[in-house]
PDB file of N, CA and C in Angstrom:
ATOM      1  N   MET A   1       1.064  -1.328  -0.140  1.00  0.00           N
ATOM      2  CA  MET A   1       0.053   0.321   0.210  1.00  0.00           C
ATOM      3  C   MET A   1       0.703   1.168  -0.197  1.00  0.00           C
ATOM      4  N   PRO A   2       0.741   1.967  -0.735  1.00  0.00           N
ATOM      5  CA  PRO A   2       1.605   3.669  -1.006  1.00  0.00           C
ATOM      6  C   PRO A   2       1.422   4.270  -0.192  1.00  0.00           C
ATOM      7  N   ALA A   3       1.931   4.835   0.524  1.00  0.00           N
ATOM      8  CA  ALA A   3       2.613   5.540   1.504  1.00  0.00           C
ATOM      9  C   ALA A   3       1.468   7.028   1.455  1.00  0.00           C
ATOM     10  N   ASN A   4       0.963   7.932   2.545  1.00  0.00           N
ATOM     11  CA  ASN A   4      -0.088   9.145   2.071  1.00  0.00           C
ATOM     12  C   ASN A   4       1.317  10.207   1.688  1.00  0.00           C
ATOM     13  N   PRO A   5       1.224  10.682   0.732  1.00  0.00           N
ATOM     14  CA  PRO A   5       2.077  11.963   0.366  1.00  0.00           C
ATOM     15  C   PRO A   5       2.601  12.437   1.422  1.00  0.00           C
ATOM     16  N   GLU A   6       2.004  13.046   1.443  1.00  0.00           N
ATOM     17  CA  GLU A   6       1.795  14.635   2.296  1.00  0.00           C
ATOM     18  C   GLU A   6       2.065  14.087   4.181  1.00  0.00           C
ATOM     19  N   LEU A   7       1.892  12.739   4.447  1.00  0.00           N
ATOM     20  CA  LEU A   7       2.683  12.053   5.748  1.00  0.00           C
ATOM     21  C   LEU A   7       3.918  11.721   5.244  1.00  0.00           C
ATOM     22  N   LEU A   8       4.403  11.805   4.443  1.00  0.00           N
ATOM     23  CA  LEU A   8       5.879  11.157   3.960  1.00  0.00           C
ATOM     24  C   LEU A   8       6.417  12.966   3.920  1.00  0.00           C
ATOM     25  N   ALA A   9       5.750  13.780   3.007  1.00  0.00           N
ATOM     26  CA  ALA A   9       6.419  15.205   3.031  1.00  0.00           C
ATOM     27  C   ALA A   9       7.063  15.776   4.230  1.00  0.00           C
ATOM     28  N   SER A  10       6.281  15.541   5.397  1.00  0.00           N
ATOM     29  CA  SER A  10       5.915  15.764   6.697  1.00  0.00           C
ATOM     30  C   SER A  10       7.518  15.496   7.642  1.00  0.00           C
ATOM     31  N   ILE A  11       6.760  14.332   7.490  1.00  0.00           N
ATOM     32  CA  ILE A  11       8.351  13.085   7.751  1.00  0.00           C
ATOM     33  C   ILE A  11       9.441  13.558   7.531  1.00  0.00           C
ATOM     34  N   LYS A  12       9.942  14.264   6.274  1.00  0.00           N
ATOM     35  CA  LYS A  12      11.168  14.489   5.373  1.00  0.00           C
ATOM     36  C   LYS A  12      11.519  15.711   6.071  1.00  0.00           C
ATOM     37  N   ASN A  13      10.010  16.497   5.984  1.00  0.00           N
ATOM     38  CA  ASN A  13      10.973  18.136   6.362  1.00  0.00           C
ATOM     39  C   ASN A  13      11.068  17.728   8.047  1.00  0.00           C
ATOM     40  N   GLN A  14      10.714  16.941   8.551  1.00  0.00           N
ATOM     41  CA  GLN A  14      11.120  17.074   9.426  1.00  0.00           C
ATOM     42  C   GLN A  14      11.786  16.367  10.682  1.00  0.00           C
ATOM     43  N   VAL A  15      11.963  14.982   9.960  1.00  0.00           N
ATOM     44  CA  VAL A  15      13.108  13.789  10.381  1.00  0.00           C
ATOM     45  C   VAL A  15      14.511  14.776  11.151  1.00  0.00           C
ATOM     46  N   CYS A  16      14.434  14.796  12.730  1.00  0.00           N
ATOM     47  CA  CYS A  16      15.987  14.167  13.353  1.00  0.00           C
ATOM     48  C   CYS A  16      16.410  13.379  13.493  1.00  0.00           C
ATOM     49  N   TYR A  17      18.341  13.968  14.325  1.00  0.00           N
ATOM     50  CA  TYR A  17      19.090  12.920  15.067  1.00  0.00           C
ATOM     51  C   TYR A  17      19.412  12.958  15.901  1.00  0.00           C
ATOM     52  N   THR A  18      19.594  12.166  16.877  1.00  0.00           N
ATOM     53  CA  THR A  18      20.977  11.811  17.743  1.00  0.00           C
ATOM     54  C   THR A  18      22.155  11.762  17.583  1.00  0.00           C
ATOM     55  N   ASP A  19      23.132  12.144  18.461  1.00  0.00           N
ATOM     56  CA  ASP A  19      24.559  11.384  18.109  1.00  0.00           C
ATOM     57  C   ASP A  19      24.104   9.781  18.303  1.00  0.00           C
ATOM     58  N   LEU A  20      23.217   9.416  19.243  1.00  0.00           N
ATOM     59  CA  LEU A  20      23.668   7.999  19.048  1.00  0.00           C
ATOM     60  C   LEU A  20      23.223   7.643  17.798  1.00  0.00           C
ATOM     61  N   VAL A  21      22.153   8.393  17.231  1.00  0.00           N
ATOM     62  CA  VAL A  21      21.225   7.362  16.043  1.00  0.00           C
ATOM     63  C   VAL A  21      22.543   6.619  15.013  1.00  0.00           C
ATOM     64  N   TYR A  22      23.041   7.854  15.006  1.00  0.00           N
ATOM     65  CA  TYR A  22      24.538   7.817  13.253  1.00  0.00           C
ATOM     66  C   TYR A  22      25.493   5.894  13.543  1.00  0.00           C
ATOM     67  N   GLN A  23      25.378   5.970  15.554  1.00  0.00           N
ATOM     68  CA  GLN A  23      26.098   4.350  15.795  1.00  0.00           C
ATOM     69  C   GLN A  23      24.526   3.246  15.328  1.00  0.00           C
ATOM     70  N   ARG A  24      24.240   3.573  15.968  1.00  0.00           N
ATOM     71  CA  ARG A  24      22.737   2.407  16.092  1.00  0.00           C
ATOM     72  C   ARG A  24      22.737   1.961  14.707  1.00  0.00           C
ATOM     73  N   VAL A  25      21.932   3.189  13.971  1.00  0.00           N
ATOM     74  CA  VAL A  25      21.698   2.618  12.054  1.00  0.00           C
ATOM     75  C   VAL A  25      23.433   2.063  10.991  1.00  0.00           C
ATOM     76  N   ASN A  26      24.338   2.954  11.205  1.00  0.00           N
ATOM     77  CA  ASN A  26      25.544   1.529  11.257  1.00  0.00           C
ATOM     78  C   ASN A  26      26.221   0.523  11.783  1.00  0.00           C
ATOM     79  N   LYS A  27      25.282   0.240  12.948  1.00  0.00           N
ATOM     80  CA  LYS A  27      25.869  -1.441  13.235  1.00  0.00           C
ATOM     81  C   LYS A  27      24.280  -2.307  12.944  1.00  0.00           C
ATOM     82  N   LYS A  28      22.902  -1.506  13.071  1.00  0.00           N
ATOM     83  CA  LYS A  28      22.489  -1.998  12.084  1.00  0.00           C
ATOM     84  C   LYS A  28      21.568  -2.695  11.254  1.00  0.00           C
ATOM     85  N   LEU A  29      22.842  -1.832  10.354  1.00  0.00           N
ATOM     86  CA  LEU A  29      22.891  -1.679   9.031  1.00  0.00           C
ATOM     87  C   LEU A  29      24.267  -2.833   8.019  1.00  0.00           C
ATOM     88  N   LYS A  30      24.931  -3.159   9.175  1.00  0.00           N
ATOM     89  CA  LYS A  30      26.488  -3.268   8.531  1.00  0.00           C
ATOM     90  C   LYS A  30      26.846  -2.510   7.553  1.00  0.00           C
ATOM     91  N   VAL A  31      26.711  -0.933   8.562  1.00  0.00           N
ATOM     92  CA  VAL A  31      27.468  -0.613   7.531  1.00  0.00           C
ATOM     93  C   VAL A  31      28.422   0.466   8.024  1.00  0.00           C
ATOM     94  N   ASP A  32      29.067   1.893   7.144  1.00  0.00           N
ATOM     95  CA  ASP A  32      30.527   2.601   7.935  1.00  0.00           C
ATOM     96  C   ASP A  32      30.215   3.848   6.974  1.00  0.00           C
ATOM     97  N   PHE A  33      28.390   4.564   7.600  1.00  0.00           N
ATOM     98  CA  PHE A  33      28.499   5.006   6.104  1.00  0.00           C
ATOM     99  C   PHE A  33      28.634   6.505   7.509  1.00  0.00           C
ATOM    100  N   SER A  34      28.622   8.151   7.030  1.00  0.00           N
ATOM    101  CA  SER A  34      29.537   8.602   7.911  1.00  0.00           C
ATOM    102  C   SER A  34      27.760   9.515   7.655  1.00  0.00           C
ATOM    103  N   ARG A  35      27.497  10.714   8.641  1.00  0.00           N
ATOM    104  CA  ARG A  35      26.839  11.684   9.261  1.00  0.00           C
ATOM    105  C   ARG A  35      25.803  11.937   8.063  1.00  0.00           C
ATOM    106  N   SER A  36      26.435  12.411   7.375  1.00  0.00           N
ATOM    107  CA  SER A  36      25.582  12.994   6.046  1.00  0.00           C
ATOM    108  C   SER A  36      25.480  11.984   4.667  1.00  0.00           C
ATOM    109  N   GLU A  37      25.812  10.447   4.605  1.00  0.00           N
ATOM    110  CA  GLU A  37      25.522   9.291   4.542  1.00  0.00           C
ATOM    111  C   GLU A  37      24.227   8.429   4.458  1.00  0.00           C
ATOM    112  N   ILE A  38      24.321   9.070   6.132  1.00  0.00           N
ATOM    113  CA  ILE A  38      23.612   7.852   6.611  1.00  0.00           C
ATOM    114  C   ILE A  38      21.926   9.544   6.816  1.00  0.00           C
ATOM    115  N   GLU A  39      22.192  10.477   6.838  1.00  0.00           N
ATOM    116  CA  GLU A  39      21.288  11.568   6.578  1.00  0.00           C
ATOM    117  C   GLU A  39      20.482  12.036   5.112  1.00  0.00           C
ATOM    118  N   LYS A  40      21.358  11.637   4.131  1.00  0.00           N
ATOM    119  CA  LYS A  40      20.839  11.168   2.567  1.00  0.00           C
ATOM    120  C   LYS A  40      20.028  10.293   2.235  1.00  0.00           C
ATOM    121  N   LEU A  41      20.754   8.637   2.526  1.00  0.00           N
ATOM    122  CA  LEU A  41      19.031   7.682   2.961  1.00  0.00           C
ATOM    123  C   LEU A  41      18.296   7.487   3.466  1.00  0.00           C
ATOM    124  N   VAL A  42      18.734   8.544   4.395  1.00  0.00           N
ATOM    125  CA  VAL A  42      16.935   8.675   5.476  1.00  0.00           C
ATOM    126  C   VAL A  42      16.297   9.080   4.011  1.00  0.00           C
ATOM    127  N   GLN A  43      17.238  10.586   3.663  1.00  0.00           N
ATOM    128  CA  GLN A  43      16.367  10.975   3.358  1.00  0.00           C
ATOM    129  C   GLN A  43      15.532  10.614   1.467  1.00  0.00           C
ATOM    130  N   ASP A  44      16.596   9.483   0.699  1.00  0.00           N
ATOM    131  CA  ASP A  44      16.298   8.838  -0.247  1.00  0.00           C
ATOM    132  C   ASP A  44      14.883   8.125   0.087  1.00  0.00           C
ATOM    133  N   ILE A  45      14.869   7.420   1.022  1.00  0.00           N
ATOM    134  CA  ILE A  45      14.160   6.920   1.726  1.00  0.00           C
ATOM    135  C   ILE A  45      12.516   6.649   1.552  1.00  0.00           C
ATOM    136  N   LEU A  46      12.603   8.746   2.408  1.00  0.00           N
ATOM    137  CA  LEU A  46      12.014   9.269   2.609  1.00  0.00           C
ATOM    138  C   LEU A  46      11.444   9.647   1.449  1.00  0.00           C
ATOM    139  N   SER A  47      11.516   9.971  -0.069  1.00  0.00           N
ATOM    140  CA  SER A  47      11.328  10.058  -0.963  1.00  0.00           C
ATOM    141  C   SER A  47      10.592   9.780  -2.191  1.00  0.00           C
ATOM    142  N   ASP A  48      11.552   7.515  -2.260  1.00  0.00           N
ATOM    143  CA  ASP A  48      11.024   6.966  -3.219  1.00  0.00           C
ATOM    144  C   ASP A  48       9.740   6.951  -2.708  1.00  0.00           C
ATOM    145  N   ASP A  49       9.367   6.280  -4.321  1.00  0.00           N
ATOM    146  CA  ASP A  49       7.312   6.210  -4.763  1.00  0.00           C
ATOM    147  C   ASP A  49       7.088   5.090  -4.426  1.00  0.00           C
ATOM    148  N   GLN A  50       7.935   4.137  -4.060  1.00  0.00           N
ATOM    149  CA  GLN A  50       7.941   2.328  -3.803  1.00  0.00           C
ATOM    150  C   GLN A  50       7.872   2.942  -1.803  1.00  0.00           C
ATOM    151  N   THR A  51       7.729   4.036  -1.049  1.00  0.00           N
ATOM    152  CA  THR A  51       8.537   3.988   0.326  1.00  0.00           C
ATOM    153  C   THR A  51       6.367   3.760   0.699  1.00  0.00           C
ATOM    154  N   THR A  52       6.611   2.461   2.068  1.00  0.00           N
ATOM    155  CA  THR A  52       5.113   2.557   2.884  1.00  0.00           C
ATOM    156  C   THR A  52       5.505   3.138   4.119  1.00  0.00           C
ATOM    157  N   VAL A  53       4.547   3.543   4.744  1.00  0.00           N
ATOM    158  CA  VAL A  53       4.599   3.886   6.375  1.00  0.00           C
ATOM    159  C   VAL A  53       2.954   3.168   7.350  1.00  0.00           C
ATOM    160  N   GLU A  54       4.018   3.510   7.987  1.00  0.00           N
ATOM    161  CA  GLU A  54       2.611   2.146   9.146  1.00  0.00           C
ATOM    162  C   GLU A  54       2.387   2.751  10.512  1.00  0.00           C
ATOM    163  N   LYS A  55       2.039   3.238  10.634  1.00  0.00           N
ATOM    164  CA  LYS A  55       1.830   3.809  12.455  1.00  0.00           C
ATOM    165  C   LYS A  55       1.784   2.478  13.470  1.00  0.00           C
ATOM    166  N   GLN A  56       2.637   2.587  14.585  1.00  0.00           N
ATOM    167  CA  GLN A  56       2.021   1.712  15.101  1.00  0.00           C
ATOM    168  C   GLN A  56       2.411   2.428  16.682  1.00  0.00           C
ATOM    169  N   GLY A  57       1.459   2.322  17.251  1.00  0.00           N
ATOM    170  CA  GLY A  57       1.619   3.698  19.009  1.00  0.00           C
ATOM    171  C   GLY A  57       2.460   4.277  18.787  1.00  0.00           C
ATOM    172  N   LYS A  58       3.666   5.103  18.866  1.00  0.00           N
ATOM    173  CA  LYS A  58       4.269   6.646  19.051  1.00  0.00           C
ATOM    174  C   LYS A  58       4.575   5.639  17.872  1.00  0.00           C
ATOM    175  N   ASN A  59       5.287   4.877  17.375  1.00  0.00           N
ATOM    176  CA  ASN A  59       5.890   5.118  16.198  1.00  0.00           C
ATOM    177  C   ASN A  59       5.555   5.106  15.284  1.00  0.00           C
ATOM    178  N   TYR A  60       6.333   5.127  13.877  1.00  0.00           N
ATOM    179  CA  TYR A  60       6.123   5.607  12.212  1.00  0.00           C
ATOM    180  C   TYR A  60       6.934   4.550  12.389  1.00  0.00           C
ATOM    181  N   TYR A  61       6.926   3.185  11.008  1.00  0.00           N
ATOM    182  CA  TYR A  61       7.908   2.046  10.498  1.00  0.00           C
ATOM    183  C   TYR A  61       7.688   2.212   9.001  1.00  0.00           C
ATOM    184  N   VAL A  62       9.136   3.387   8.446  1.00  0.00           N
ATOM    185  CA  VAL A  62       8.982   3.577   7.192  1.00  0.00           C
ATOM    186  C   VAL A  62       9.726   2.408   6.431  1.00  0.00           C
ATOM    187  N   SER A  63       9.011   2.110   5.585  1.00  0.00           N
ATOM    188  CA  SER A  63      10.001   0.620   4.704  1.00  0.00           C
ATOM    189  C   SER A  63       9.847   0.943   2.636  1.00  0.00           C
ATOM    190  N   GLY A  64      11.285   1.192   2.535  1.00  0.00           N
ATOM    191  CA  GLY A  64      12.392   2.114   1.511  1.00  0.00           C
ATOM    192  C   GLY A  64      12.053   0.563   1.345  1.00  0.00           C
ATOM    193  N   LEU A  65      11.321  -0.385   0.601  1.00  0.00           N
ATOM    194  CA  LEU A  65      11.236  -1.258  -0.941  1.00  0.00           C
ATOM    195  C   LEU A  65      12.696  -1.546  -1.178  1.00  0.00           C
ATOM    196  N   ALA A  66      12.745  -0.546  -2.111  1.00  0.00           N
ATOM    197  CA  ALA A  66      13.548  -0.579  -3.099  1.00  0.00           C
ATOM    198  C   ALA A  66      15.805  -0.142  -1.993  1.00  0.00           C
ATOM    199  N   TYR A  67      15.176   0.032  -1.053  1.00  0.00           N
ATOM    200  CA  TYR A  67      16.630   0.358  -0.246  1.00  0.00           C
ATOM    201  C   TYR A  67      16.990  -1.348   1.208  1.00  0.00           C
ATOM    202  N   SER A  68      15.129  -2.060   1.006  1.00  0.00           N
ATOM    203  CA  SER A  68      15.101  -2.970   1.750  1.00  0.00           C
ATOM    204  C   SER A  68      15.864  -2.433   2.856  1.00  0.00           C
ATOM    205  N   THR A  69      14.806  -1.699   3.675  1.00  0.00           N
ATOM    206  CA  THR A  69      15.084  -0.954   5.193  1.00  0.00           C
ATOM    207  C   THR A  69      14.393  -0.385   5.824  1.00  0.00           C
ATOM    208  N   ARG A  70      14.036  -0.791   6.548  1.00  0.00           N
ATOM    209  CA  ARG A  70      13.009  -0.106   7.706  1.00  0.00           C
ATOM    210  C   ARG A  70      13.042   0.648   8.327  1.00  0.00           C
ATOM    211  N   LEU A  71      12.550   2.032   8.438  1.00  0.00           N
ATOM    212  CA  LEU A  71      13.961   3.504   8.929  1.00  0.00           C
ATOM    213  C   LEU A  71      12.063   3.660  11.190  1.00  0.00           C
ATOM    214  N   THR A  72      13.133   3.488  11.758  1.00  0.00           N
ATOM    215  CA  THR A  72      11.763   3.703  13.296  1.00  0.00           C
ATOM    216  C   THR A  72      11.536   5.209  13.663  1.00  0.00           C
ATOM    217  N   ILE A  73      10.964   5.917  13.708  1.00  0.00           N
ATOM    218  CA  ILE A  73      10.661   6.993  13.707  1.00  0.00           C
ATOM    219  C   ILE A  73       9.833   7.712  14.248  1.00  0.00           C
ATOM    220  N   ASN A  74      10.366   8.446  15.669  1.00  0.00           N
ATOM    221  CA  ASN A  74       9.015   8.997  16.608  1.00  0.00           C
ATOM    222  C   ASN A  74       7.786   9.475  15.776  1.00  0.00           C
ATOM    223  N   SER A  75       6.484   9.691  16.246  1.00  0.00           N
ATOM    224  CA  SER A  75       5.769   9.329  15.302  1.00  0.00           C
ATOM    225  C   SER A  75       5.540  11.358  16.097  1.00  0.00           C
ATOM    226  N   PHE A  76       6.411  11.411  17.014  1.00  0.00           N
ATOM    227  CA  PHE A  76       6.083  13.366  17.893  1.00  0.00           C
ATOM    228  C   PHE A  76       6.797  13.905  17.785  1.00  0.00           C
ATOM    229  N   ASN A  77       8.029  13.287  17.648  1.00  0.00           N
ATOM    230  CA  ASN A  77       9.379  14.419  17.872  1.00  0.00           C
ATOM    231  C   ASN A  77       9.368  13.991  15.382  1.00  0.00           C
ATOM    232  N   PHE A  78       9.757  13.353  15.429  1.00  0.00           N
ATOM    233  CA  PHE A  78      10.127  12.854  14.525  1.00  0.00           C
ATOM    234  C   PHE A  78      12.036  12.480  14.409  1.00  0.00           C
ATOM    235  N   ARG A  79      11.807  11.693  15.686  1.00  0.00           N
ATOM    236  CA  ARG A  79      13.985  11.887  15.693  1.00  0.00           C
ATOM    237  C   ARG A  79      13.273  10.401  14.898  1.00  0.00           C
ATOM    238  N   LEU A  80      14.454  10.326  14.414  1.00  0.00           N
ATOM    239  CA  LEU A  80      14.931   8.929  13.956  1.00  0.00           C
ATOM    240  C   LEU A  80      15.720   7.014  15.580  1.00  0.00           C
ATOM    241  N   ILE A  81      15.238   6.792  15.404  1.00  0.00           N
ATOM    242  CA  ILE A  81      15.128   6.088  16.184  1.00  0.00           C
ATOM    243  C   ILE A  81      15.865   4.352  15.467  1.00  0.00           C
ATOM    244  N   ALA A  82      15.441   4.130  14.595  1.00  0.00           N
ATOM    245  CA  ALA A  82      16.608   3.363  13.377  1.00  0.00           C
ATOM    246  C   ALA A  82      16.378   2.119  12.577  1.00  0.00           C
ATOM    247  N   ALA A  83      16.935   2.487  11.922  1.00  0.00           N
ATOM    248  CA  ALA A  83      17.159   1.620  10.990  1.00  0.00           C
ATOM    249  C   ALA A  83      17.225  -0.089  11.166  1.00  0.00           C
ATOM    250  N   ASP A  84      15.605  -1.222  10.381  1.00  0.00           N
ATOM    251  CA  ASP A  84      16.660  -2.435  10.172  1.00  0.00           C
ATOM    252  C   ASP A  84      16.186  -2.711   9.247  1.00  0.00           C
ATOM    253  N   ARG A  85      16.650  -4.043   8.270  1.00  0.00           N
ATOM    254  CA  ARG A  85      17.331  -4.203   7.563  1.00  0.00           C
ATOM    255  C   ARG A  85      15.600  -4.874   6.896  1.00  0.00           C
ATOM    256  N   LEU A  86      15.237  -5.748   5.644  1.00  0.00           N
ATOM    257  CA  LEU A  86      14.096  -5.660   5.740  1.00  0.00           C
ATOM    258  C   LEU A  86      14.542  -7.127   4.920  1.00  0.00           C
TER     259      LEU A  86
END
């Protein structure tokens, strides 16, 4: 099911990061990306036509099918929590 474009745009414009999340993303995805590479990956996933969004509890689960990656984003403050391989 395609994501609501307005919701994706809202998440894309407001997503934010903590120092800890960069380390967590690298660990969970088994990569060694710089901060800017992680931010670009997140923006690319949020911009992709195949991306889906599901809200469960206080989090959005954004699945970038083309990237085989699922982002976990807090729905209240739009902070990236984690990234997992699908």
